[in-house]
Amino acid sequence: MVSPADIQEAAAGLRGIATRTSLRYVEALGAHLKLENEQPMGAFKIRGAYNAIRKLPDAARKRGVITFSSGNTARRWPTPPSSSVCAP
């Protein structure tokens, strides 16, 4: 179960990485939508991917992380300037 403390910790870890995005009410749906397409990479995946990698033990991060995506994540990962990519 995800606790409020888990959410606060994840949000703190994303400061400076993820952009605060709009929350808009759509009358036709009767719902609020969180517009994650406003992220610089155009998708919500940065939140989960960055937090997952951030929580890896140092030794695992030093070995590197391989990701696969055919969409927005592939085009923009890694977002932080201190990250690097190795591709054939």
PDB file of N, CA and C in Angstrom:
ATOM      1  N   MET A   1       0.840  -1.174   0.000  1.00  0.00           N
ATOM      2  CA  MET A   1       0.000   0.000   0.000  1.00  0.00           C
ATOM      3  C   MET A   1       0.888   1.242   0.000  1.00  0.00           C
ATOM      4  N   VAL A   2       0.592   2.165  -0.871  1.00  0.00           N
ATOM      5  CA  VAL A   2       1.333   3.421  -0.952  1.00  0.00           C
ATOM      6  C   VAL A   2       0.806   4.366   0.122  1.00  0.00           C
ATOM      7  N   SER A   3       1.720   4.887   0.910  1.00  0.00           N
ATOM      8  CA  SER A   3       1.327   5.776   2.003  1.00  0.00           C
ATOM      9  C   SER A   3       1.507   7.238   1.576  1.00  0.00           C
ATOM     10  N   PRO A   4       0.890   8.160   2.310  1.00  0.00           N
ATOM     11  CA  PRO A   4       1.140   9.583   2.039  1.00  0.00           C
ATOM     12  C   PRO A   4       2.628   9.929   2.133  1.00  0.00           C
ATOM     13  N   ALA A   5       3.337   9.298   3.052  1.00  0.00           N
ATOM     14  CA  ALA A   5       4.779   9.546   3.181  1.00  0.00           C
ATOM     15  C   ALA A   5       5.523   9.087   1.927  1.00  0.00           C
ATOM     16  N   ASP A   6       5.103   7.945   1.335  1.00  0.00           N
ATOM     17  CA  ASP A   6       5.716   7.465   0.089  1.00  0.00           C
ATOM     18  C   ASP A   6       5.529   8.492  -1.027  1.00  0.00           C
ATOM     19  N   ILE A   7       4.343   9.059  -1.113  1.00  0.00           N
ATOM     20  CA  ILE A   7       4.038  10.053  -2.151  1.00  0.00           C
ATOM     21  C   ILE A   7       4.879  11.311  -1.941  1.00  0.00           C
ATOM     22  N   GLN A   8       4.976  11.761  -0.695  1.00  0.00           N
ATOM     23  CA  GLN A   8       5.771  12.954  -0.393  1.00  0.00           C
ATOM     24  C   GLN A   8       7.247  12.732  -0.706  1.00  0.00           C
ATOM     25  N   GLU A   9       7.754  11.547  -0.403  1.00  0.00           N
ATOM     26  CA  GLU A   9       9.155  11.230  -0.671  1.00  0.00           C
ATOM     27  C   GLU A   9       9.413  11.189  -2.171  1.00  0.00           C
ATOM     28  N   ALA A  10       8.514  10.593  -2.931  1.00  0.00           N
ATOM     29  CA  ALA A  10       8.663  10.542  -4.393  1.00  0.00           C
ATOM     30  C   ALA A  10       8.612  11.941  -4.987  1.00  0.00           C
ATOM     31  N   ALA A  11       7.693  12.761  -4.506  1.00  0.00           N
ATOM     32  CA  ALA A  11       7.579  14.138  -5.000  1.00  0.00           C
ATOM     33  C   ALA A  11       8.857  14.919  -4.710  1.00  0.00           C
ATOM     34  N   ALA A  12       9.412  14.747  -3.532  1.00  0.00           N
ATOM     35  CA  ALA A  12      10.652  15.440  -3.180  1.00  0.00           C
ATOM     36  C   ALA A  12      11.793  15.000  -4.099  1.00  0.00           C
ATOM     37  N   GLY A  13      11.836  13.720  -4.419  1.00  0.00           N
ATOM     38  CA  GLY A  13      12.884  13.204  -5.298  1.00  0.00           C
ATOM     39  C   GLY A  13      12.765  13.695  -6.729  1.00  0.00           C
ATOM     40  N   LEU A  14      11.581  14.134  -7.114  1.00  0.00           N
ATOM     41  CA  LEU A  14      11.353  14.612  -8.481  1.00  0.00           C
ATOM     42  C   LEU A  14      11.527  16.116  -8.644  1.00  0.00           C
ATOM     43  N   ARG A  15      11.764  16.825  -7.535  1.00  0.00           N
ATOM     44  CA  ARG A  15      11.961  18.276  -7.642  1.00  0.00           C
ATOM     45  C   ARG A  15      13.134  18.575  -8.573  1.00  0.00           C
ATOM     46  N   GLY A  16      12.885  19.424  -9.536  1.00  0.00           N
ATOM     47  CA  GLY A  16      13.915  19.773 -10.501  1.00  0.00           C
ATOM     48  C   GLY A  16      14.012  18.805 -11.670  1.00  0.00           C
ATOM     49  N   ILE A  17      13.255  17.713 -11.613  1.00  0.00           N
ATOM     50  CA  ILE A  17      13.270  16.708 -12.679  1.00  0.00           C
ATOM     51  C   ILE A  17      11.961  16.754 -13.459  1.00  0.00           C
ATOM     52  N   ALA A  18      10.851  16.582 -12.749  1.00  0.00           N
ATOM     53  CA  ALA A  18       9.526  16.596 -13.378  1.00  0.00           C
ATOM     54  C   ALA A  18       8.920  17.992 -13.233  1.00  0.00           C
ATOM     55  N   THR A  19       8.126  18.367 -14.196  1.00  0.00           N
ATOM     56  CA  THR A  19       7.443  19.656 -14.204  1.00  0.00           C
ATOM     57  C   THR A  19       6.094  19.505 -13.516  1.00  0.00           C
ATOM     58  N   ARG A  20       5.676  20.515 -12.769  1.00  0.00           N
ATOM     59  CA  ARG A  20       4.307  20.509 -12.226  1.00  0.00           C
ATOM     60  C   ARG A  20       3.357  20.685 -13.389  1.00  0.00           C
ATOM     61  N   THR A  21       2.412  19.793 -13.523  1.00  0.00           N
ATOM     62  CA  THR A  21       1.490  19.838 -14.650  1.00  0.00           C
ATOM     63  C   THR A  21       0.095  20.234 -14.192  1.00  0.00           C
ATOM     64  N   SER A  22      -0.702  20.667 -15.144  1.00  0.00           N
ATOM     65  CA  SER A  22      -2.050  21.161 -14.857  1.00  0.00           C
ATOM     66  C   SER A  22      -3.001  20.045 -14.429  1.00  0.00           C
ATOM     67  N   LEU A  23      -3.993  20.444 -13.672  1.00  0.00           N
ATOM     68  CA  LEU A  23      -5.119  19.584 -13.325  1.00  0.00           C
ATOM     69  C   LEU A  23      -6.348  20.317 -13.837  1.00  0.00           C
ATOM     70  N   ARG A  24      -7.044  19.716 -14.797  1.00  0.00           N
ATOM     71  CA  ARG A  24      -8.187  20.386 -15.419  1.00  0.00           C
ATOM     72  C   ARG A  24      -9.440  19.544 -15.281  1.00  0.00           C
ATOM     73  N   TYR A  25     -10.525  20.228 -14.988  1.00  0.00           N
ATOM     74  CA  TYR A  25     -11.822  19.552 -14.900  1.00  0.00           C
ATOM     75  C   TYR A  25     -12.433  19.516 -16.298  1.00  0.00           C
ATOM     76  N   VAL A  26     -12.876  18.326 -16.714  1.00  0.00           N
ATOM     77  CA  VAL A  26     -13.524  18.148 -18.009  1.00  0.00           C
ATOM     78  C   VAL A  26     -14.986  17.816 -17.743  1.00  0.00           C
ATOM     79  N   GLU A  27     -15.832  18.776 -18.014  1.00  0.00           N
ATOM     80  CA  GLU A  27     -17.273  18.645 -17.738  1.00  0.00           C
ATOM     81  C   GLU A  27     -17.864  17.399 -18.377  1.00  0.00           C
ATOM     82  N   ALA A  28     -17.543  17.152 -19.636  1.00  0.00           N
ATOM     83  CA  ALA A  28     -18.118  16.009 -20.361  1.00  0.00           C
ATOM     84  C   ALA A  28     -17.786  14.675 -19.698  1.00  0.00           C
ATOM     85  N   LEU A  29     -16.648  14.609 -19.033  1.00  0.00           N
ATOM     86  CA  LEU A  29     -16.244  13.375 -18.346  1.00  0.00           C
ATOM     87  C   LEU A  29     -16.631  13.380 -16.874  1.00  0.00           C
ATOM     88  N   GLY A  30     -16.908  14.558 -16.361  1.00  0.00           N
ATOM     89  CA  GLY A  30     -17.192  14.674 -14.934  1.00  0.00           C
ATOM     90  C   GLY A  30     -15.983  14.285 -14.106  1.00  0.00           C
ATOM     91  N   ALA A  31     -14.789  14.637 -14.612  1.00  0.00           N
ATOM     92  CA  ALA A  31     -13.560  14.209 -13.953  1.00  0.00           C
ATOM     93  C   ALA A  31     -12.466  15.245 -14.136  1.00  0.00           C
ATOM     94  N   HIS A  32     -11.506  15.200 -13.215  1.00  0.00           N
ATOM     95  CA  HIS A  32     -10.292  16.008 -13.346  1.00  0.00           C
ATOM     96  C   HIS A  32      -9.257  15.184 -14.093  1.00  0.00           C
ATOM     97  N   LEU A  33      -8.546  15.812 -15.002  1.00  0.00           N
ATOM     98  CA  LEU A  33      -7.465  15.153 -15.734  1.00  0.00           C
ATOM     99  C   LEU A  33      -6.139  15.821 -15.372  1.00  0.00           C
ATOM    100  N   LYS A  34      -5.140  15.000 -15.089  1.00  0.00           N
ATOM    101  CA  LYS A  34      -3.785  15.486 -14.823  1.00  0.00           C
ATOM    102  C   LYS A  34      -3.052  15.454 -16.155  1.00  0.00           C
ATOM    103  N   LEU A  35      -2.671  16.619 -16.662  1.00  0.00           N
ATOM    104  CA  LEU A  35      -2.139  16.735 -18.019  1.00  0.00           C
ATOM    105  C   LEU A  35      -0.632  16.482 -18.062  1.00  0.00           C
ATOM    106  N   GLU A  36      -0.275  15.218 -17.973  1.00  0.00           N
ATOM    107  CA  GLU A  36       1.134  14.847 -17.976  1.00  0.00           C
ATOM    108  C   GLU A  36       1.770  15.011 -19.345  1.00  0.00           C
ATOM    109  N   ASN A  37       0.962  15.239 -20.370  1.00  0.00           N
ATOM    110  CA  ASN A  37       1.537  15.541 -21.681  1.00  0.00           C
ATOM    111  C   ASN A  37       2.243  16.889 -21.663  1.00  0.00           C
ATOM    112  N   GLU A  38       2.095  17.650 -20.587  1.00  0.00           N
ATOM    113  CA  GLU A  38       2.813  18.920 -20.422  1.00  0.00           C
ATOM    114  C   GLU A  38       4.253  18.710 -19.934  1.00  0.00           C
ATOM    115  N   GLN A  39       4.613  17.485 -19.582  1.00  0.00           N
ATOM    116  CA  GLN A  39       6.001  17.213 -19.205  1.00  0.00           C
ATOM    117  C   GLN A  39       6.888  17.495 -20.410  1.00  0.00           C
ATOM    118  N   PRO A  40       8.128  17.942 -20.191  1.00  0.00           N
ATOM    119  CA  PRO A  40       9.022  18.200 -21.328  1.00  0.00           C
ATOM    120  C   PRO A  40       9.153  16.998 -22.266  1.00  0.00           C
ATOM    121  N   MET A  41       9.066  15.784 -21.728  1.00  0.00           N
ATOM    122  CA  MET A  41       9.174  14.609 -22.590  1.00  0.00           C
ATOM    123  C   MET A  41       7.812  14.178 -23.140  1.00  0.00           C
ATOM    124  N   GLY A  42       6.736  14.841 -22.741  1.00  0.00           N
ATOM    125  CA  GLY A  42       5.424  14.568 -23.295  1.00  0.00           C
ATOM    126  C   GLY A  42       4.717  13.355 -22.718  1.00  0.00           C
ATOM    127  N   ALA A  43       5.165  12.842 -21.581  1.00  0.00           N
ATOM    128  CA  ALA A  43       4.544  11.653 -21.012  1.00  0.00           C
ATOM    129  C   ALA A  43       4.758  11.612 -19.500  1.00  0.00           C
ATOM    130  N   PHE A  44       3.943  10.822 -18.822  1.00  0.00           N
ATOM    131  CA  PHE A  44       4.021  10.700 -17.366  1.00  0.00           C
ATOM    132  C   PHE A  44       5.155   9.803 -16.914  1.00  0.00           C
ATOM    133  N   LYS A  45       5.736   9.028 -17.804  1.00  0.00           N
ATOM    134  CA  LYS A  45       6.691   7.985 -17.420  1.00  0.00           C
ATOM    135  C   LYS A  45       7.904   8.492 -16.655  1.00  0.00           C
ATOM    136  N   ILE A  46       8.245   9.758 -16.836  1.00  0.00           N
ATOM    137  CA  ILE A  46       9.420  10.286 -16.152  1.00  0.00           C
ATOM    138  C   ILE A  46       9.295  10.120 -14.640  1.00  0.00           C
ATOM    139  N   ARG A  47       8.109  10.239 -14.100  1.00  0.00           N
ATOM    140  CA  ARG A  47       7.931  10.140 -12.648  1.00  0.00           C
ATOM    141  C   ARG A  47       8.290   8.744 -12.141  1.00  0.00           C
ATOM    142  N   GLY A  48       7.685   7.732 -12.722  1.00  0.00           N
ATOM    143  CA  GLY A  48       7.941   6.364 -12.274  1.00  0.00           C
ATOM    144  C   GLY A  48       9.342   5.888 -12.606  1.00  0.00           C
ATOM    145  N   ALA A  49       9.790   6.177 -13.819  1.00  0.00           N
ATOM    146  CA  ALA A  49      11.114   5.718 -14.242  1.00  0.00           C
ATOM    147  C   ALA A  49      12.210   6.372 -13.403  1.00  0.00           C
ATOM    148  N   TYR A  50      12.124   7.668 -13.232  1.00  0.00           N
ATOM    149  CA  TYR A  50      13.162   8.366 -12.466  1.00  0.00           C
ATOM    150  C   TYR A  50      13.183   7.890 -11.015  1.00  0.00           C
ATOM    151  N   ASN A  51      12.018   7.748 -10.406  1.00  0.00           N
ATOM    152  CA  ASN A  51      11.982   7.299  -9.007  1.00  0.00           C
ATOM    153  C   ASN A  51      12.486   5.869  -8.867  1.00  0.00           C
ATOM    154  N   ALA A  52      12.166   5.010  -9.823  1.00  0.00           N
ATOM    155  CA  ALA A  52      12.646   3.624  -9.754  1.00  0.00           C
ATOM    156  C   ALA A  52      14.175   3.581  -9.845  1.00  0.00           C
ATOM    157  N   ILE A  53      14.740   4.332 -10.768  1.00  0.00           N
ATOM    158  CA  ILE A  53      16.196   4.349 -10.934  1.00  0.00           C
ATOM    159  C   ILE A  53      16.863   5.024  -9.735  1.00  0.00           C
ATOM    160  N   ARG A  54      16.264   6.082  -9.248  1.00  0.00           N
ATOM    161  CA  ARG A  54      16.801   6.815  -8.100  1.00  0.00           C
ATOM    162  C   ARG A  54      16.898   5.927  -6.863  1.00  0.00           C
ATOM    163  N   LYS A  55      15.991   4.979  -6.742  1.00  0.00           N
ATOM    164  CA  LYS A  55      15.960   4.124  -5.544  1.00  0.00           C
ATOM    165  C   LYS A  55      16.842   2.884  -5.651  1.00  0.00           C
ATOM    166  N   LEU A  56      17.456   2.671  -6.808  1.00  0.00           N
ATOM    167  CA  LEU A  56      18.358   1.521  -6.939  1.00  0.00           C
ATOM    168  C   LEU A  56      19.578   1.710  -6.048  1.00  0.00           C
ATOM    169  N   PRO A  57      20.142   0.611  -5.558  1.00  0.00           N
ATOM    170  CA  PRO A  57      21.395   0.730  -4.799  1.00  0.00           C
ATOM    171  C   PRO A  57      22.483   1.331  -5.700  1.00  0.00           C
ATOM    172  N   ASP A  58      23.434   2.036  -5.096  1.00  0.00           N
ATOM    173  CA  ASP A  58      24.508   2.672  -5.862  1.00  0.00           C
ATOM    174  C   ASP A  58      25.200   1.699  -6.811  1.00  0.00           C
ATOM    175  N   ALA A  59      25.489   0.499  -6.339  1.00  0.00           N
ATOM    176  CA  ALA A  59      26.196  -0.483  -7.169  1.00  0.00           C
ATOM    177  C   ALA A  59      25.393  -0.817  -8.430  1.00  0.00           C
ATOM    178  N   ALA A  60      24.092  -0.934  -8.294  1.00  0.00           N
ATOM    179  CA  ALA A  60      23.246  -1.244  -9.453  1.00  0.00           C
ATOM    180  C   ALA A  60      23.222  -0.073 -10.425  1.00  0.00           C
ATOM    181  N   ARG A  61      23.103   1.142  -9.923  1.00  0.00           N
ATOM    182  CA  ARG A  61      23.107   2.325 -10.802  1.00  0.00           C
ATOM    183  C   ARG A  61      24.436   2.472 -11.531  1.00  0.00           C
ATOM    184  N   LYS A  62      25.533   2.160 -10.846  1.00  0.00           N
ATOM    185  CA  LYS A  62      26.855   2.273 -11.474  1.00  0.00           C
ATOM    186  C   LYS A  62      27.023   1.289 -12.622  1.00  0.00           C
ATOM    187  N   ARG A  63      26.350   0.140 -12.544  1.00  0.00           N
ATOM    188  CA  ARG A  63      26.403  -0.833 -13.646  1.00  0.00           C
ATOM    189  C   ARG A  63      25.627  -0.321 -14.854  1.00  0.00           C
ATOM    190  N   GLY A  64      24.692   0.601 -14.604  1.00  0.00           N
ATOM    191  CA  GLY A  64      23.903   1.177 -15.692  1.00  0.00           C
ATOM    192  C   GLY A  64      22.500   0.614 -15.739  1.00  0.00           C
ATOM    193  N   VAL A  65      21.674   1.305 -16.459  1.00  0.00           N
ATOM    194  CA  VAL A  65      20.276   0.916 -16.608  1.00  0.00           C
ATOM    195  C   VAL A  65      19.954   0.912 -18.088  1.00  0.00           C
ATOM    196  N   ILE A  66      19.324  -0.142 -18.543  1.00  0.00           N
ATOM    197  CA  ILE A  66      18.894  -0.231 -19.933  1.00  0.00           C
ATOM    198  C   ILE A  66      17.380  -0.104 -19.950  1.00  0.00           C
ATOM    199  N   THR A  67      16.890   0.802 -20.755  1.00  0.00           N
ATOM    200  CA  THR A  67      15.448   0.974 -20.890  1.00  0.00           C
ATOM    201  C   THR A  67      15.056   0.761 -22.346  1.00  0.00           C
ATOM    202  N   PHE A  68      13.802   0.413 -22.560  1.00  0.00           N
ATOM    203  CA  PHE A  68      13.304   0.254 -23.919  1.00  0.00           C
ATOM    204  C   PHE A  68      11.967   0.952 -24.032  1.00  0.00           C
ATOM    205  N   SER A  69      11.824   1.739 -25.054  1.00  0.00           N
ATOM    206  CA  SER A  69      10.566   2.404 -25.341  1.00  0.00           C
ATOM    207  C   SER A  69      10.587   2.811 -26.800  1.00  0.00           C
ATOM    208  N   SER A  70       9.450   2.740 -27.436  1.00  0.00           N
ATOM    209  CA  SER A  70       9.376   3.186 -28.830  1.00  0.00           C
ATOM    210  C   SER A  70       8.668   4.530 -28.921  1.00  0.00           C
ATOM    211  N   GLY A  71       8.362   5.116 -27.764  1.00  0.00           N
ATOM    212  CA  GLY A  71       7.604   6.367 -27.750  1.00  0.00           C
ATOM    213  C   GLY A  71       8.386   7.523 -27.172  1.00  0.00           C
ATOM    214  N   ASN A  72       7.673   8.386 -26.438  1.00  0.00           N
ATOM    215  CA  ASN A  72       8.255   9.612 -25.905  1.00  0.00           C
ATOM    216  C   ASN A  72       9.428   9.354 -24.978  1.00  0.00           C
ATOM    217  N   THR A  73       9.348   8.297 -24.173  1.00  0.00           N
ATOM    218  CA  THR A  73      10.417   8.026 -23.219  1.00  0.00           C
ATOM    219  C   THR A  73      11.721   7.752 -23.956  1.00  0.00           C
ATOM    220  N   ALA A  74      11.650   6.995 -25.032  1.00  0.00           N
ATOM    221  CA  ALA A  74      12.859   6.679 -25.800  1.00  0.00           C
ATOM    222  C   ALA A  74      13.461   7.928 -26.420  1.00  0.00           C
ATOM    223  N   ARG A  75      12.626   8.838 -26.844  1.00  0.00           N
ATOM    224  CA  ARG A  75      13.134  10.045 -27.497  1.00  0.00           C
ATOM    225  C   ARG A  75      13.774  11.009 -26.512  1.00  0.00           C
ATOM    226  N   ARG A  76      13.337  11.005 -25.261  1.00  0.00           N
ATOM    227  CA  ARG A  76      13.805  12.013 -24.318  1.00  0.00           C
ATOM    228  C   ARG A  76      14.605  11.465 -23.143  1.00  0.00           C
ATOM    229  N   TRP A  77      14.684  10.175 -22.966  1.00  0.00           N
ATOM    230  CA  TRP A  77      15.422   9.653 -21.825  1.00  0.00           C
ATOM    231  C   TRP A  77      16.879   9.625 -22.193  1.00  0.00           C
ATOM    232  N   PRO A  78      17.823   9.961 -21.388  1.00  0.00           N
ATOM    233  CA  PRO A  78      17.621  10.471 -20.044  1.00  0.00           C
ATOM    234  C   PRO A  78      17.392  11.980 -20.061  1.00  0.00           C
ATOM    235  N   THR A  79      16.470  12.431 -19.275  1.00  0.00           N
ATOM    236  CA  THR A  79      16.152  13.856 -19.223  1.00  0.00           C
ATOM    237  C   THR A  79      17.183  14.654 -18.428  1.00  0.00           C
ATOM    238  N   PRO A  80      17.568  14.206 -17.221  1.00  0.00           N
ATOM    239  CA  PRO A  80      18.522  15.028 -16.463  1.00  0.00           C
ATOM    240  C   PRO A  80      19.842  15.175 -17.214  1.00  0.00           C
ATOM    241  N   PRO A  81      20.408  16.365 -17.269  1.00  0.00           N
ATOM    242  CA  PRO A  81      21.647  16.589 -18.011  1.00  0.00           C
ATOM    243  C   PRO A  81      22.826  15.768 -17.509  1.00  0.00           C
ATOM    244  N   SER A  82      22.780  15.327 -16.258  1.00  0.00           N
ATOM    245  CA  SER A  82      23.910  14.566 -15.723  1.00  0.00           C
ATOM    246  C   SER A  82      23.856  13.099 -16.135  1.00  0.00           C
ATOM    247  N   SER A  83      22.811  12.683 -16.829  1.00  0.00           N
ATOM    248  CA  SER A  83      22.676  11.300 -17.265  1.00  0.00           C
ATOM    249  C   SER A  83      23.367  11.114 -18.608  1.00  0.00           C
ATOM    250  N   SER A  84      23.556   9.862 -18.962  1.00  0.00           N
ATOM    251  CA  SER A  84      24.187   9.600 -20.256  1.00  0.00           C
ATOM    252  C   SER A  84      23.519   8.400 -20.917  1.00  0.00           C
ATOM    253  N   VAL A  85      23.685   8.320 -22.210  1.00  0.00           N
ATOM    254  CA  VAL A  85      23.102   7.237 -22.997  1.00  0.00           C
ATOM    255  C   VAL A  85      24.189   6.605 -23.836  1.00  0.00           C
ATOM    256  N   CYS A  86      24.125   5.304 -23.964  1.00  0.00           N
ATOM    257  CA  CYS A  86      25.021   4.583 -24.851  1.00  0.00           C
ATOM    258  C   CYS A  86      24.151   3.813 -25.822  1.00  0.00           C
ATOM    259  N   ALA A  87      24.269   4.082 -27.087  1.00  0.00           N
ATOM    260  CA  ALA A  87      23.447   3.406 -28.100  1.00  0.00           C
ATOM    261  C   ALA A  87      24.333   3.013 -29.268  1.00  0.00           C
ATOM    262  N   PRO A  88      24.026   1.884 -29.912  1.00  0.00           N
ATOM    263  CA  PRO A  88      24.829   1.469 -31.071  1.00  0.00           C
ATOM    264  C   PRO A  88      24.675   2.416 -32.231  1.00  0.00           C
TER     265      PRO A  88
END
